[in-house]
């Protein structure tokens, strides 16, 4: 299990439920390593500021991580973490490797507006 304060995706069913119950979802699929920890920390910081986005993590080495690893958008990724942004259950952006707050907020602001989440 990842040592974060984020919601942990613990099964494929839980992943599907998270996507169906939340309009905007950011999933960070990784390990507790130097490229992933900064992304988890940014996500934890942004949870209150972006309350229209569900922030979750997924352990890269778990059996159910295939839900992220096998996405067409992630097939060319080499570095951890794999970060996937979903709107209405569909991928709107996918990135890999370390990301900092300004990179994450730029993606969130581009793809997840508050007004859209209210509809």
N, C-alpha and C. Protein backbone atom coordinates (compact mmCIF):
# COMPACT_ATOMS: atom_id res chain seq x y z
N UNK A 1 0.85 -1.18 0.00
CA UNK A 1 0.00 0.00 0.00
C UNK A 1 0.89 1.24 0.00
N UNK A 2 0.45 2.24 -0.75
CA UNK A 2 1.20 3.49 -0.80
C UNK A 2 0.99 4.28 0.49
N UNK A 3 2.04 4.92 0.95
CA UNK A 3 2.00 5.69 2.20
C UNK A 3 1.65 7.15 1.88
N UNK A 4 0.40 7.38 1.48
CA UNK A 4 -0.07 8.74 1.19
C UNK A 4 -1.38 8.95 1.95
N UNK A 5 -1.83 10.20 1.95
CA UNK A 5 -3.13 10.51 2.53
C UNK A 5 -4.22 10.57 1.47
N UNK A 6 -3.92 10.09 0.29
CA UNK A 6 -4.89 10.06 -0.80
C UNK A 6 -5.77 8.83 -0.67
N UNK A 7 -6.89 8.85 -1.37
CA UNK A 7 -7.72 7.65 -1.50
C UNK A 7 -6.93 6.64 -2.32
N UNK A 8 -6.85 5.41 -1.84
CA UNK A 8 -6.13 4.34 -2.53
C UNK A 8 -7.11 3.52 -3.35
N UNK A 9 -6.81 3.32 -4.62
CA UNK A 9 -7.59 2.42 -5.46
C UNK A 9 -7.12 1.01 -5.13
N UNK A 10 -8.03 0.17 -4.64
CA UNK A 10 -7.64 -1.14 -4.13
C UNK A 10 -8.13 -2.31 -4.96
N UNK A 11 -8.86 -2.03 -6.05
CA UNK A 11 -9.32 -3.09 -6.94
C UNK A 11 -9.80 -2.48 -8.24
N UNK A 12 -9.98 -3.31 -9.24
CA UNK A 12 -10.51 -2.82 -10.51
C UNK A 12 -11.93 -2.29 -10.33
N UNK A 13 -12.72 -2.97 -9.51
CA UNK A 13 -14.09 -2.50 -9.23
C UNK A 13 -14.06 -1.13 -8.56
N UNK A 14 -13.16 -0.94 -7.61
CA UNK A 14 -13.03 0.35 -6.92
C UNK A 14 -12.63 1.45 -7.92
N UNK A 15 -11.74 1.13 -8.84
CA UNK A 15 -11.34 2.08 -9.89
C UNK A 15 -12.56 2.47 -10.72
N UNK A 16 -13.30 1.48 -11.19
CA UNK A 16 -14.49 1.75 -12.02
C UNK A 16 -15.53 2.54 -11.25
N UNK A 17 -15.72 2.23 -9.99
CA UNK A 17 -16.67 2.95 -9.15
C UNK A 17 -16.22 4.41 -8.98
N UNK A 18 -14.94 4.62 -8.77
CA UNK A 18 -14.42 5.97 -8.61
C UNK A 18 -14.68 6.80 -9.86
N UNK A 19 -14.44 6.22 -11.03
CA UNK A 19 -14.70 6.94 -12.28
C UNK A 19 -16.18 7.20 -12.49
N UNK A 20 -17.02 6.27 -12.11
CA UNK A 20 -18.46 6.46 -12.34
C UNK A 20 -19.08 7.44 -11.35
N UNK A 21 -18.51 7.57 -10.17
CA UNK A 21 -19.08 8.46 -9.14
C UNK A 21 -18.49 9.86 -9.14
N UNK A 22 -17.46 10.11 -9.92
CA UNK A 22 -16.78 11.40 -9.92
C UNK A 22 -16.57 11.88 -11.36
N UNK A 23 -16.99 13.10 -11.63
CA UNK A 23 -16.84 13.66 -12.97
C UNK A 23 -15.37 13.83 -13.33
N UNK A 24 -14.56 14.33 -12.41
CA UNK A 24 -13.16 14.64 -12.65
C UNK A 24 -12.28 13.83 -11.70
N UNK A 25 -11.36 13.05 -12.26
CA UNK A 25 -10.51 12.18 -11.44
C UNK A 25 -9.06 12.29 -11.93
N UNK A 26 -8.16 12.44 -10.97
CA UNK A 26 -6.72 12.38 -11.24
C UNK A 26 -6.18 11.14 -10.54
N UNK A 27 -5.58 10.25 -11.31
CA UNK A 27 -5.02 9.01 -10.77
C UNK A 27 -3.50 9.05 -10.94
N UNK A 28 -2.80 8.82 -9.84
CA UNK A 28 -1.35 8.71 -9.88
C UNK A 28 -0.99 7.26 -9.58
N UNK A 29 -0.45 6.58 -10.58
CA UNK A 29 -0.08 5.17 -10.47
C UNK A 29 1.43 5.10 -10.34
N UNK A 30 1.90 4.73 -9.14
CA UNK A 30 3.33 4.74 -8.92
C UNK A 30 3.76 3.92 -7.73
N UNK A 31 4.94 4.27 -7.25
CA UNK A 31 5.56 3.63 -6.09
C UNK A 31 5.95 4.73 -5.11
N UNK A 32 6.51 4.34 -3.97
CA UNK A 32 7.01 5.31 -3.00
C UNK A 32 8.47 5.62 -3.34
N UNK A 33 8.67 6.25 -4.49
CA UNK A 33 10.01 6.57 -4.94
C UNK A 33 10.16 8.06 -5.22
N UNK A 34 11.38 8.48 -5.55
CA UNK A 34 11.68 9.90 -5.68
C UNK A 34 10.95 10.62 -6.82
N UNK A 35 10.51 9.90 -7.83
CA UNK A 35 9.78 10.53 -8.92
C UNK A 35 8.29 10.63 -8.61
N UNK A 36 7.80 9.77 -7.74
CA UNK A 36 6.37 9.69 -7.44
C UNK A 36 5.97 10.53 -6.23
N UNK A 37 6.78 10.52 -5.20
CA UNK A 37 6.43 11.20 -3.95
C UNK A 37 6.08 12.67 -4.16
N UNK A 38 6.84 13.43 -4.97
CA UNK A 38 6.44 14.83 -5.18
C UNK A 38 5.05 14.97 -5.81
N UNK A 39 4.67 14.05 -6.66
CA UNK A 39 3.35 14.11 -7.29
C UNK A 39 2.26 13.83 -6.24
N UNK A 40 2.48 12.82 -5.39
CA UNK A 40 1.52 12.55 -4.32
C UNK A 40 1.36 13.78 -3.42
N UNK A 41 2.50 14.41 -3.08
CA UNK A 41 2.45 15.59 -2.21
C UNK A 41 1.66 16.73 -2.84
N UNK A 42 1.85 16.96 -4.14
CA UNK A 42 1.09 18.00 -4.84
C UNK A 42 -0.39 17.66 -4.81
N UNK A 43 -0.73 16.42 -5.07
CA UNK A 43 -2.14 16.01 -5.05
C UNK A 43 -2.76 16.24 -3.67
N UNK A 44 -2.04 15.88 -2.62
CA UNK A 44 -2.54 16.09 -1.26
C UNK A 44 -2.77 17.57 -0.99
N UNK A 45 -1.85 18.42 -1.45
CA UNK A 45 -1.99 19.86 -1.26
C UNK A 45 -3.20 20.43 -2.00
N UNK A 46 -3.50 19.87 -3.15
CA UNK A 46 -4.55 20.42 -4.02
C UNK A 46 -5.96 19.92 -3.70
N UNK A 47 -6.08 18.90 -2.87
CA UNK A 47 -7.40 18.32 -2.60
C UNK A 47 -8.41 19.35 -2.12
N UNK A 48 -8.03 20.24 -1.22
CA UNK A 48 -8.97 21.24 -0.71
C UNK A 48 -9.24 22.35 -1.73
N UNK A 49 -8.21 22.70 -2.48
CA UNK A 49 -8.32 23.78 -3.47
C UNK A 49 -9.15 23.35 -4.69
N UNK A 50 -9.01 22.11 -5.08
CA UNK A 50 -9.72 21.56 -6.24
C UNK A 50 -10.72 20.51 -5.76
N UNK A 51 -11.72 20.96 -5.02
CA UNK A 51 -12.67 19.99 -4.46
C UNK A 51 -13.62 19.42 -5.50
N UNK A 52 -13.54 19.90 -6.75
CA UNK A 52 -14.33 19.33 -7.84
C UNK A 52 -13.56 18.23 -8.57
N UNK A 53 -12.38 17.86 -8.03
CA UNK A 53 -11.56 16.79 -8.59
C UNK A 53 -11.32 15.74 -7.52
N UNK A 54 -11.46 14.48 -7.88
CA UNK A 54 -11.15 13.37 -6.98
C UNK A 54 -9.70 12.96 -7.24
N UNK A 55 -8.86 13.04 -6.21
CA UNK A 55 -7.45 12.68 -6.30
C UNK A 55 -7.25 11.30 -5.69
N UNK A 56 -6.70 10.37 -6.46
CA UNK A 56 -6.50 9.01 -5.97
C UNK A 56 -5.13 8.49 -6.40
N UNK A 57 -4.65 7.51 -5.65
CA UNK A 57 -3.42 6.84 -6.05
C UNK A 57 -3.68 5.37 -6.29
N UNK A 58 -2.74 4.76 -6.98
CA UNK A 58 -2.84 3.35 -7.34
C UNK A 58 -1.42 2.79 -7.35
N UNK A 59 -1.21 1.72 -6.60
CA UNK A 59 0.12 1.12 -6.51
C UNK A 59 0.47 0.45 -7.84
N UNK A 60 1.60 0.88 -8.43
CA UNK A 60 2.01 0.41 -9.74
C UNK A 60 2.18 -1.10 -9.80
N UNK A 61 2.64 -1.70 -8.73
CA UNK A 61 2.92 -3.13 -8.72
C UNK A 61 1.74 -4.00 -8.30
N UNK A 62 0.57 -3.42 -8.11
CA UNK A 62 -0.60 -4.21 -7.73
C UNK A 62 -1.18 -4.91 -8.96
N UNK A 63 -1.87 -6.00 -8.71
CA UNK A 63 -2.47 -6.77 -9.81
C UNK A 63 -3.48 -5.95 -10.61
N UNK A 64 -4.16 -5.01 -9.96
CA UNK A 64 -5.21 -4.24 -10.65
C UNK A 64 -4.69 -2.97 -11.31
N UNK A 65 -3.38 -2.71 -11.25
CA UNK A 65 -2.84 -1.49 -11.87
C UNK A 65 -2.90 -1.55 -13.39
N UNK A 66 -3.25 -2.69 -13.93
CA UNK A 66 -3.39 -2.79 -15.38
C UNK A 66 -4.42 -1.81 -15.92
N UNK A 67 -5.35 -1.37 -15.06
CA UNK A 67 -6.38 -0.42 -15.52
C UNK A 67 -5.75 0.90 -15.96
N UNK A 68 -4.57 1.21 -15.46
CA UNK A 68 -3.82 2.39 -15.89
C UNK A 68 -2.69 1.98 -16.84
N UNK A 69 -1.91 1.00 -16.46
CA UNK A 69 -0.74 0.61 -17.25
C UNK A 69 -1.10 0.22 -18.69
N UNK A 70 -2.26 -0.36 -18.89
CA UNK A 70 -2.65 -0.85 -20.22
C UNK A 70 -3.44 0.15 -21.05
N UNK A 71 -3.66 1.34 -20.54
CA UNK A 71 -4.35 2.35 -21.33
C UNK A 71 -3.50 2.69 -22.56
N UNK A 72 -4.14 2.89 -23.72
CA UNK A 72 -3.37 3.27 -24.91
C UNK A 72 -2.53 4.53 -24.68
N UNK A 73 -3.04 5.46 -23.89
CA UNK A 73 -2.34 6.71 -23.62
C UNK A 73 -1.07 6.50 -22.81
N UNK A 74 -0.92 5.35 -22.17
CA UNK A 74 0.25 5.07 -21.31
C UNK A 74 1.22 4.08 -21.94
N UNK A 75 0.94 3.57 -23.09
CA UNK A 75 1.75 2.50 -23.69
C UNK A 75 3.19 2.89 -23.95
N UNK A 76 3.47 4.15 -24.19
CA UNK A 76 4.85 4.56 -24.48
C UNK A 76 5.59 5.10 -23.25
N UNK A 77 4.94 5.10 -22.11
CA UNK A 77 5.55 5.65 -20.90
C UNK A 77 6.68 4.76 -20.40
N UNK A 78 7.77 5.39 -19.98
CA UNK A 78 8.90 4.66 -19.41
C UNK A 78 9.15 5.01 -17.96
N UNK A 79 8.77 6.22 -17.53
CA UNK A 79 9.07 6.67 -16.19
C UNK A 79 7.84 6.71 -15.29
N UNK A 80 8.06 6.44 -14.02
CA UNK A 80 6.98 6.53 -13.04
C UNK A 80 6.95 7.93 -12.46
N UNK A 81 5.80 8.36 -11.99
CA UNK A 81 4.51 7.69 -12.02
C UNK A 81 3.80 7.90 -13.35
N UNK A 82 2.79 7.06 -13.58
CA UNK A 82 1.85 7.28 -14.67
C UNK A 82 0.71 8.09 -14.06
N UNK A 83 0.44 9.26 -14.59
CA UNK A 83 -0.63 10.10 -14.07
C UNK A 83 -1.67 10.27 -15.16
N UNK A 84 -2.91 9.90 -14.83
CA UNK A 84 -3.97 9.95 -15.82
C UNK A 84 -5.12 10.79 -15.27
N UNK A 85 -5.60 11.68 -16.11
CA UNK A 85 -6.69 12.58 -15.77
C UNK A 85 -7.93 12.14 -16.54
N UNK A 86 -9.02 11.89 -15.82
CA UNK A 86 -10.26 11.41 -16.42
C UNK A 86 -11.37 12.45 -16.22
N UNK A 87 -12.14 12.67 -17.27
CA UNK A 87 -13.37 13.47 -17.16
C UNK A 87 -14.49 12.62 -17.73
N UNK A 88 -15.53 12.45 -16.94
CA UNK A 88 -16.67 11.60 -17.33
C UNK A 88 -16.21 10.20 -17.73
N UNK A 89 -15.20 9.68 -17.02
CA UNK A 89 -14.73 8.32 -17.25
C UNK A 89 -13.82 8.15 -18.44
N UNK A 90 -13.51 9.24 -19.15
CA UNK A 90 -12.66 9.17 -20.33
C UNK A 90 -11.33 9.90 -20.07
N UNK A 91 -10.26 9.38 -20.63
CA UNK A 91 -8.95 10.00 -20.47
C UNK A 91 -8.92 11.32 -21.23
N UNK A 92 -8.53 12.40 -20.53
CA UNK A 92 -8.36 13.69 -21.19
C UNK A 92 -6.89 14.09 -21.25
N UNK A 93 -6.06 13.44 -20.43
CA UNK A 93 -4.62 13.75 -20.41
C UNK A 93 -3.92 12.62 -19.66
N UNK A 94 -2.73 12.29 -20.12
CA UNK A 94 -1.91 11.30 -19.42
C UNK A 94 -0.45 11.77 -19.50
N UNK A 95 0.24 11.69 -18.38
CA UNK A 95 1.64 12.10 -18.31
C UNK A 95 2.43 11.06 -17.53
N UNK A 96 3.74 11.12 -17.66
CA UNK A 96 4.59 10.24 -16.86
C UNK A 96 5.77 11.03 -16.32
N UNK A 97 6.38 10.46 -15.34
CA UNK A 97 7.54 11.03 -14.64
C UNK A 97 7.10 12.14 -13.69
N UNK A 98 8.08 12.71 -13.03
CA UNK A 98 7.82 13.69 -11.98
C UNK A 98 7.07 14.90 -12.54
N UNK A 99 6.16 15.42 -11.74
CA UNK A 99 5.43 16.63 -12.08
C UNK A 99 5.37 17.50 -10.83
N UNK A 100 5.44 18.78 -11.08
CA UNK A 100 5.39 19.74 -9.98
C UNK A 100 4.05 20.45 -9.98
N UNK A 101 3.79 21.19 -8.94
CA UNK A 101 2.50 21.84 -8.72
C UNK A 101 2.02 22.63 -9.94
N UNK A 102 2.90 23.45 -10.51
CA UNK A 102 2.45 24.28 -11.64
C UNK A 102 2.08 23.45 -12.86
N UNK A 103 2.75 22.32 -13.06
CA UNK A 103 2.40 21.44 -14.16
C UNK A 103 1.04 20.77 -13.92
N UNK A 104 0.83 20.31 -12.71
CA UNK A 104 -0.43 19.65 -12.37
C UNK A 104 -1.59 20.65 -12.43
N UNK A 105 -1.43 21.82 -11.83
CA UNK A 105 -2.53 22.79 -11.83
C UNK A 105 -2.84 23.27 -13.24
N UNK A 106 -1.85 23.36 -14.09
CA UNK A 106 -2.09 23.75 -15.47
C UNK A 106 -3.00 22.74 -16.16
N UNK A 107 -2.74 21.47 -15.95
CA UNK A 107 -3.59 20.42 -16.54
C UNK A 107 -4.98 20.44 -15.92
N UNK A 108 -5.05 20.56 -14.59
CA UNK A 108 -6.35 20.60 -13.92
C UNK A 108 -7.17 21.78 -14.42
N UNK A 109 -6.55 22.95 -14.52
CA UNK A 109 -7.27 24.14 -14.97
C UNK A 109 -7.72 24.03 -16.42
N UNK A 110 -6.94 23.37 -17.23
CA UNK A 110 -7.30 23.21 -18.63
C UNK A 110 -8.47 22.24 -18.83
N UNK A 111 -8.47 21.16 -18.07
CA UNK A 111 -9.43 20.08 -18.33
C UNK A 111 -10.59 19.99 -17.35
N UNK A 112 -10.45 20.55 -16.14
CA UNK A 112 -11.48 20.38 -15.11
C UNK A 112 -11.93 21.73 -14.55
N UNK A 113 -12.91 22.34 -15.16
CA UNK A 113 -13.41 23.60 -14.63
C UNK A 113 -14.51 23.34 -13.60
N UNK A 114 -14.62 24.24 -12.65
CA UNK A 114 -15.63 24.11 -11.60
C UNK A 114 -17.03 24.11 -12.20
N UNK A 115 -17.27 24.98 -13.16
CA UNK A 115 -18.61 25.10 -13.75
C UNK A 115 -19.05 23.79 -14.39
N UNK A 116 -18.12 23.11 -15.09
CA UNK A 116 -18.47 21.85 -15.73
C UNK A 116 -18.81 20.78 -14.71
N UNK A 117 -18.16 20.81 -13.56
CA UNK A 117 -18.40 19.76 -12.57
C UNK A 117 -19.75 19.90 -11.89
N UNK A 118 -20.35 21.10 -11.97
CA UNK A 118 -21.65 21.35 -11.33
C UNK A 118 -22.78 20.82 -12.19
N UNK A 119 -22.59 20.78 -13.50
CA UNK A 119 -23.64 20.37 -14.43
C UNK A 119 -24.06 18.93 -14.21
